[in-house]
Amino acid sequence: MATSKKKDSENNQLHKEVDQLRKKLETADDEAVARYKMTAEYKSSLHMYGAKSLKAAIKMTKEWLIDDRLEINSNEYDTYLKKRWATDLASQKAKVSDHGGVGSQLDGSLDN
C-alpha cells in the first residue's frame, strides 16, 4: 500500500512537471524574442534597417519629385539636400549643446 501511494505521489509530481514544461513552451517564443530585443545585435540591426528604410524612402521621394517636376535638375536637388542636411545637423548639434548634452544627436549620413 505504501508503495502504491509513493508511486501515485511520483506520478502526480511528474504530471505537475509536465504541465510546467507545457506552460514554458507556450511562452518560450515570447521570452526568446524579449531576450533578443535586449541584445546589442538587435539594436544594431534595428538601427541599420531603420537607416536603410529611411534612405530608400528619401530616394523614392526624390525620384518621384524629379519625375513629377521635370524642371528639377537632379544634381541641383542633391546639392540642395546635402546643404539642407548639413544645416539641420548643425542645428541639432547646437540644440544638444544648448541643453548641456541632453538629447540625441543625428548619427550617420543620408547620402545615397
Protein backbone atom coordinates (compact mmCIF):
# COMPACT_ATOMS: atom_id res chain seq x y z
CA MET A 1 0.00 0.00 0.00
CA ALA A 2 2.84 2.38 0.86
CA THR A 3 4.47 1.60 -2.46
CA SER A 4 1.24 2.41 -4.28
CA LYS A 5 0.94 5.80 -2.50
CA LYS A 6 4.59 6.54 -3.30
CA LYS A 7 4.03 5.72 -6.98
CA ASP A 8 0.89 7.92 -7.03
CA SER A 9 2.86 10.77 -5.47
CA GLU A 10 5.68 10.38 -8.01
CA ASN A 11 3.12 10.24 -10.82
CA ASN A 12 1.42 13.42 -9.59
CA GLN A 13 4.80 15.16 -9.35
CA LEU A 14 5.66 14.14 -12.91
CA HIS A 15 2.29 15.44 -14.14
CA LYS A 16 2.98 18.79 -12.43
CA GLU A 17 6.42 18.99 -14.04
CA VAL A 18 4.97 18.18 -17.48
CA ASP A 19 2.32 20.88 -17.02
CA GLN A 20 5.03 23.38 -16.05
CA LEU A 21 7.06 22.47 -19.13
CA ARG A 22 3.99 22.91 -21.35
CA LYS A 23 3.42 26.37 -19.90
CA LYS A 24 7.07 27.27 -20.52
CA LEU A 25 6.83 26.08 -24.11
CA GLU A 26 3.73 28.20 -24.68
CA THR A 27 5.64 31.36 -23.73
CA ALA A 28 9.11 30.33 -24.92
CA ASP A 29 8.85 32.26 -28.19
CA ASP A 30 7.79 35.46 -26.43
CA GLU A 31 10.58 35.15 -23.88
CA ALA A 32 13.19 34.41 -26.55
CA VAL A 33 12.10 37.45 -28.55
CA ALA A 34 12.17 39.64 -25.45
CA ARG A 35 15.70 38.45 -24.60
CA TYR A 36 16.87 39.04 -28.17
CA LYS A 37 15.44 42.56 -28.18
CA MET A 38 17.67 43.37 -25.21
CA THR A 39 20.86 42.46 -27.09
CA ALA A 40 23.25 44.85 -28.81
CA GLU A 41 22.85 42.80 -32.00
CA TYR A 42 19.13 43.59 -32.14
CA LYS A 43 19.69 47.30 -31.53
CA SER A 44 22.38 47.40 -34.20
CA SER A 45 20.15 45.61 -36.71
CA LEU A 46 17.23 47.87 -35.90
CA HIS A 47 19.36 50.96 -36.47
CA MET A 48 20.78 49.57 -39.72
CA TYR A 49 17.39 48.59 -41.17
CA GLY A 50 15.81 51.82 -40.00
CA ALA A 51 18.53 53.81 -41.77
CA LYS A 52 18.11 51.71 -44.93
CA SER A 53 14.33 52.24 -44.89
CA LEU A 54 14.79 55.97 -44.45
CA LYS A 55 17.31 56.15 -47.29
CA ALA A 56 15.00 54.14 -49.56
CA ALA A 57 12.06 56.43 -48.74
CA ILE A 58 14.14 59.53 -49.44
CA LYS A 59 15.40 58.08 -52.72
CA MET A 60 11.87 57.13 -53.80
CA THR A 61 10.53 60.58 -52.87
CA LYS A 62 13.38 62.26 -54.75
CA GLU A 63 12.71 60.14 -57.85
CA TRP A 64 9.00 60.89 -57.64
CA LEU A 65 9.65 64.63 -57.34
CA ILE A 66 12.08 64.66 -60.26
CA ASP A 67 9.72 62.58 -62.43
CA ASP A 68 6.76 64.75 -61.49
CA ARG A 69 8.59 68.07 -61.81
CA LEU A 70 10.65 67.97 -64.98
CA GLU A 71 12.09 71.40 -64.19
CA ILE A 72 14.01 69.97 -61.21
CA ASN A 73 17.62 69.18 -62.04
CA SER A 74 18.57 66.06 -60.06
CA ASN A 75 22.15 67.29 -59.49
CA GLU A 76 20.93 70.60 -58.12
CA TYR A 77 18.41 68.77 -55.96
CA ASP A 78 21.15 66.56 -54.47
CA THR A 79 23.25 69.65 -53.72
CA TYR A 80 20.25 71.31 -52.07
CA LEU A 81 19.55 68.24 -49.93
CA LYS A 82 23.17 67.97 -48.77
CA LYS A 83 23.19 71.64 -47.75
CA ARG A 84 19.85 71.22 -46.00
CA TRP A 85 21.03 68.12 -44.10
CA ALA A 86 24.24 69.89 -43.04
CA THR A 87 22.17 72.83 -41.77
CA ASP A 88 19.77 70.51 -39.92
CA LEU A 89 22.66 68.55 -38.39
CA ALA A 90 24.37 71.75 -37.22
CA SER A 91 21.07 72.94 -35.74
CA GLN A 92 20.54 69.63 -33.95
CA LYS A 93 24.09 69.70 -32.53
CA ALA A 94 23.52 73.25 -31.32
CA LYS A 95 20.33 72.19 -29.53
CA VAL A 96 22.15 69.32 -27.84
CA SER A 97 24.98 71.55 -26.64
CA ASP A 98 22.49 74.24 -25.52
CA HIS A 99 20.85 71.66 -23.26
CA GLY A 100 24.08 70.55 -21.65
CA GLY A 101 24.36 67.41 -23.73
CA VAL A 102 20.82 66.24 -23.00
CA GLY A 103 19.01 64.87 -26.02
CA SER A 104 20.05 62.95 -29.05
CA GLN A 105 22.29 63.74 -31.97
CA LEU A 106 21.72 62.66 -35.51
CA ASP A 107 24.06 59.86 -36.49
CA GLY A 108 25.19 58.87 -39.94
CA SER A 109 24.59 60.36 -43.32
CA LEU A 110 21.62 60.24 -45.61
CA ASP A 111 23.70 60.42 -48.77
CA ASN A 112 22.74 57.97 -51.47
